[in-house]
Amino acid sequence: MLENLPCSTLQHKSLTIEGYSRGAVQSYWRVPELHVGLELGASPWLFMGTKTFLVTHGHLDHLAALPVFVARRRMMKMDPPVIFLPAQIVDDTWKMLKAWQRLDRGRMNCELIGVSPGDSIDLSREHRFTVFQTKHTVPSVGYVIHDVRRKLKPEYHGLAGDEIRDIRLQGTEVTAEIQTPLLAFTGDTAPVGLDADPNIYKAQILLTEMTFFRPDHRREKIHKFGHMHLDDLLERADKFQNELIILAHLSTRTHPGEAKRRLEQTLPEHLKDRVHLWT
């Protein structure tokens, strides 16, 4: 496999998180087990086989690689990709792709699907994603990917198989859908986006931003430009039920070592083993 872009990997239980993120540079993620990618700030060859991507907003460091990704899949005779992104930016994204189609002399075959907060869309029989509102300087959303199963209703526990069959044949639904949040992804957002959906704090894995962390970074200015400070996370320390919290999108003015030291100094003990700084 051609390794043309940086890409780190982290395994948590049955899920693998792959990708890279640096503020104003590029962000791109993939979860192979869910057959889904997150953001298209760049397009690693490693991600070529992932057909479906969820994009949070239209800034260049999150979407600039879309025409590259679409063109490469066409060149490799793969199915056109399916890209979910905020409904407000679909038309402009098509205009961008059409311009590249003229420049590249190759068709930009893909499916762009606009989403809005409150949407619930099936990825597969076992997985579904929901959309929540975030706050950035452009239209933006976040996503929660859920595991979806059907389980026998409690009132039928203990019955024999033939008894359950007979009840089902009578037209009674004996199972109920159980939806479990696996992965929450906020993209770039002010703190209000982190509070937009209770499942963000309940998901097995939370992938969110921590663009700024120094005490002298002014939070009111950070929030105005749709980002978060470490102190915003510390104020919510008791809300996190997540097994793994990935902090990414560090500012380019930040040295990763400095950010790690700051986290070690300030994180409460009950979070230290669950927080991973993506560098």
Foldseek 3Di string as FASTA:
>chain_A
DDFPDDKDWDDDVPWIWIWAAAAPQATKIDTVVLLEIEFPLDDTPVNLSRQEYEYWDDDNRGHVCLLVSQVVCVVVVHDAGEYEYAPVCPVVVVVVNVVVCVVVVHHRDHHYHHDDAQDWADPDPFKIKGWWAFDAPGGGIKIWIKGKDKDFDPVCPPPDPVVVVVCVVVVDDGIDIDIATAEIEQEFHALVSCVGDLNCQRHQEYEYEAAEEDPPPDNVVQRVRGHHYVVSCQVCVVSHPHQAYEYHHYHPVDDVVVVVVSCVVDPDPVCPVRYDYRD
